[in-house]
Amino acid sequence: MDKNKWRNELKSRRNAIEKDQRLDEESLVLKHLSDWVHNPTLHSWMVYLPFSSELNTTALIQELSRKGRQLFAPRILENNQLGCSSFCEGDELSTQAWGIQEPKSSLMPMEFRPDVVVVPALGFDHQLQRLGYGKGFYDRFLMNRPQLCIGLGFRCQIVETLPIEKHDLALDAVVTADGVIGSS
């Protein structure tokens, strides 16, 4: 199956998740992230703000705030690059053209990379590849790797193998309700 067919299939799967199952899986994902959240050497975190039916990161952001971690969120720039804006829980957000929420705070320098980048996707595979929405924002951003890059998703988003291209970058780990794939 090609990438566009996978995107349609995986988006359908994710959209079909019932509310109770969604909440249960999100809670388990947060538990599986616990070792990283409590690791004091991982001080700065860029966490996506959920869009559409993506796994909700609100509880993760709240936990990181309680731990005193420095928080950042992705911001799409005019040149089709992904930037990084600092934010605190409760900061005012703006809605970007595709409906994605972004902090209004100032951008970090382009060379800045937080210790951890938490990325969304439509799907992941067992080789730690991710399938995004097709614009390449995270692939370009992750070329200058952070210390740790973690994908979050629901069980239904994991497939055996995704089609990859030269520019596709593997993650360090993928976390679902079933646990961690990759480094721990």
Protein backbone atom coordinates (compact mmCIF):
# COMPACT_ATOMS: atom_id res chain seq x y z
CA MET A 1 0.00 0.00 0.00
CA ASP A 2 1.35 3.47 -0.80
CA LYS A 3 1.61 6.32 1.72
CA ASN A 4 -1.62 8.05 0.72
CA LYS A 5 -3.63 4.84 1.05
CA TRP A 6 -2.03 4.22 4.45
CA ARG A 7 -2.88 7.79 5.49
CA ASN A 8 -6.55 7.27 4.62
CA GLU A 9 -6.67 3.85 6.31
CA LEU A 10 -4.93 4.99 9.50
CA LYS A 11 -6.96 8.20 9.77
CA SER A 12 -10.15 6.12 9.48
CA ARG A 13 -8.93 3.74 12.19
CA ARG A 14 -8.05 6.58 14.53
CA ASN A 15 -11.33 8.43 13.91
CA ALA A 16 -13.29 5.25 14.73
CA ILE A 17 -11.95 4.94 18.30
CA GLU A 18 -14.78 5.18 20.84
CA LYS A 19 -14.52 7.84 23.56
CA ASP A 20 -14.07 5.40 26.48
CA GLN A 21 -11.36 3.45 24.64
CA ARG A 22 -9.65 6.71 23.69
CA LEU A 23 -9.54 7.85 27.34
CA ASP A 24 -8.30 4.44 28.54
CA GLU A 25 -5.50 4.33 25.97
CA GLU A 26 -4.44 7.93 26.63
CA SER A 27 -4.16 7.16 30.35
CA LEU A 28 -2.01 4.08 29.68
CA VAL A 29 0.26 6.00 27.30
CA LEU A 30 0.94 8.55 30.04
CA LYS A 31 1.87 5.73 32.45
CA HIS A 32 4.28 4.25 29.89
CA LEU A 33 5.93 7.68 29.53
CA SER A 34 6.54 7.88 33.28
CA ASP A 35 10.25 6.97 33.30
CA TRP A 36 11.03 9.72 30.82
CA VAL A 37 8.78 12.28 32.53
CA HIS A 38 10.54 11.64 35.86
CA ASN A 39 14.05 11.67 34.36
CA PRO A 40 15.67 14.92 35.59
CA THR A 41 18.16 14.98 32.69
CA LEU A 42 15.25 15.43 30.25
CA HIS A 43 14.39 18.99 31.20
CA SER A 44 13.07 20.53 27.98
CA TRP A 45 10.16 18.96 26.09
CA MET A 46 8.47 19.89 22.82
CA VAL A 47 5.01 18.34 22.88
CA TYR A 48 2.49 18.58 20.06
CA LEU A 49 -0.87 20.14 20.84
CA PRO A 50 -3.50 17.60 19.72
CA PHE A 51 -5.32 18.14 16.45
CA SER A 52 -8.41 16.31 15.22
CA SER A 53 -8.41 12.75 16.59
CA GLU A 54 -4.72 12.67 17.63
CA LEU A 55 -3.86 11.22 21.02
CA ASN A 56 -4.53 13.99 23.55
CA THR A 57 -1.36 15.31 25.21
CA THR A 58 -3.06 17.54 27.80
CA ALA A 59 -2.36 15.17 30.73
CA LEU A 60 1.29 14.84 29.63
CA ILE A 61 1.65 18.63 29.47
CA GLN A 62 0.09 18.96 32.94
CA GLU A 63 2.44 16.32 34.38
CA LEU A 64 5.49 17.94 32.80
CA SER A 65 4.39 21.31 34.21
CA ARG A 66 4.07 19.81 37.69
CA LYS A 67 7.60 18.41 37.33
CA GLY A 68 8.94 21.86 36.41
CA ARG A 69 9.95 20.87 32.89
CA GLN A 70 10.50 23.53 30.26
CA LEU A 71 7.68 23.20 27.68
CA PHE A 72 7.66 23.98 23.99
CA ALA A 73 5.14 23.38 21.25
CA PRO A 74 5.62 23.13 17.49
CA ARG A 75 4.77 26.10 15.33
CA ILE A 76 4.50 26.05 11.55
CA LEU A 77 6.46 28.87 9.95
CA GLU A 78 5.82 30.69 6.68
CA ASN A 79 8.74 28.91 4.97
CA ASN A 80 7.15 25.46 5.60
CA GLN A 81 9.56 24.80 8.46
CA LEU A 82 8.60 23.70 11.93
CA GLY A 83 9.62 26.06 14.69
CA CYS A 84 9.57 25.68 18.44
CA SER A 85 7.76 28.10 20.79
CA SER A 86 7.99 28.07 24.56
CA PHE A 87 4.71 27.86 26.42
CA CYS A 88 3.17 27.21 29.80
CA GLU A 89 0.02 25.32 30.53
CA GLY A 90 -2.88 27.74 30.12
CA ASP A 91 -1.08 30.11 27.71
CA GLU A 92 -3.17 31.72 25.00
CA LEU A 93 -3.11 29.77 21.74
CA SER A 94 -3.89 30.74 18.18
CA THR A 95 -5.42 28.50 15.54
CA GLN A 96 -3.26 27.90 12.48
CA ALA A 97 -4.69 27.52 8.97
CA TRP A 98 -5.25 23.74 9.25
CA GLY A 99 -6.94 24.10 12.64
CA ILE A 100 -3.80 23.26 14.62
CA GLN A 101 -3.37 25.12 17.91
CA GLU A 102 -0.07 26.97 18.41
CA PRO A 103 1.35 29.12 21.20
CA LYS A 104 1.48 32.84 20.54
CA SER A 105 4.79 33.10 22.41
CA SER A 106 8.04 33.95 20.67
CA LEU A 107 9.98 31.39 18.67
CA MET A 108 13.18 29.81 19.83
CA PRO A 109 16.21 30.12 17.51
CA MET A 110 15.98 27.60 14.64
CA GLU A 111 19.03 25.68 15.88
CA PHE A 112 17.42 25.07 19.30
CA ARG A 113 16.43 21.47 20.01
CA PRO A 114 14.74 20.44 23.26
CA ASP A 115 15.84 17.30 25.07
CA VAL A 116 12.66 15.47 24.04
CA VAL A 117 10.39 15.93 21.04
CA VAL A 118 6.99 14.23 21.24
CA VAL A 119 5.52 13.80 17.78
CA PRO A 120 2.08 12.90 16.45
CA ALA A 121 1.43 10.78 13.39
CA LEU A 122 -1.24 8.94 11.51
CA GLY A 123 0.70 5.71 11.97
CA PHE A 124 3.86 4.03 13.20
CA ASP A 125 5.58 0.74 12.48
CA HIS A 126 7.78 -1.68 14.41
CA GLN A 127 10.93 -0.18 12.82
CA LEU A 128 10.03 3.15 14.55
CA GLN A 129 9.04 4.85 11.32
CA ARG A 130 6.16 7.32 11.39
CA LEU A 131 3.66 8.31 8.77
CA GLY A 132 2.64 11.93 9.11
CA TYR A 133 0.25 14.05 7.12
CA GLY A 134 2.62 14.35 4.15
CA LYS A 135 4.06 17.85 4.47
CA GLY A 136 7.43 16.77 5.95
CA PHE A 137 7.45 19.32 8.80
CA TYR A 138 8.71 16.90 11.44
CA ASP A 139 11.15 15.15 9.07
CA ARG A 140 12.86 18.49 8.37
CA PHE A 141 12.77 19.53 12.04
CA LEU A 142 14.22 16.23 13.25
CA MET A 143 17.20 16.29 10.87
CA ASN A 144 19.06 18.01 13.73
CA ARG A 145 18.13 15.37 16.26
CA PRO A 146 17.05 16.09 19.81
CA GLN A 147 18.29 13.78 22.54
CA LEU A 148 15.09 11.74 22.34
CA CYS A 149 12.24 11.62 19.82
CA ILE A 150 9.06 9.83 20.90
CA GLY A 151 5.92 9.12 18.90
CA LEU A 152 2.56 8.77 20.66
CA GLY A 153 -0.35 6.84 19.24
CA PHE A 154 -3.26 4.52 19.74
CA ARG A 155 -2.97 0.75 19.30
CA CYS A 156 -4.75 0.90 15.95
CA GLN A 157 -2.05 3.18 14.56
CA ILE A 158 0.68 0.53 14.76
CA VAL A 159 1.31 -1.51 11.62
CA GLU A 160 4.00 -4.03 10.78
CA THR A 161 5.77 -1.95 8.10
CA LEU A 162 5.14 1.46 6.53
CA PRO A 163 6.50 2.57 3.16
CA ILE A 164 9.48 4.85 3.71
CA GLU A 165 11.48 7.24 1.58
CA LYS A 166 15.03 8.53 1.85
CA HIS A 167 14.01 11.61 3.86
CA ASP A 168 11.92 9.67 6.43
CA LEU A 169 13.58 9.54 9.83
CA ALA A 170 13.03 6.82 12.42
CA LEU A 171 12.04 7.74 15.97
CA ASP A 172 13.77 6.59 19.15
CA ALA A 173 10.56 5.14 20.56
CA VAL A 174 6.83 4.83 19.98
CA VAL A 175 4.46 4.67 22.93
CA THR A 176 0.97 3.17 22.84
CA ALA A 177 -1.35 1.74 25.47
CA ASP A 178 0.46 -1.58 25.01
CA GLY A 179 3.83 -0.13 26.01
CA VAL A 180 7.01 1.15 24.43
CA ILE A 181 8.44 0.10 21.10
CA GLY A 182 12.14 0.96 20.90
CA SER A 183 14.37 2.47 23.58
CA SER A 184 13.11 2.73 27.10
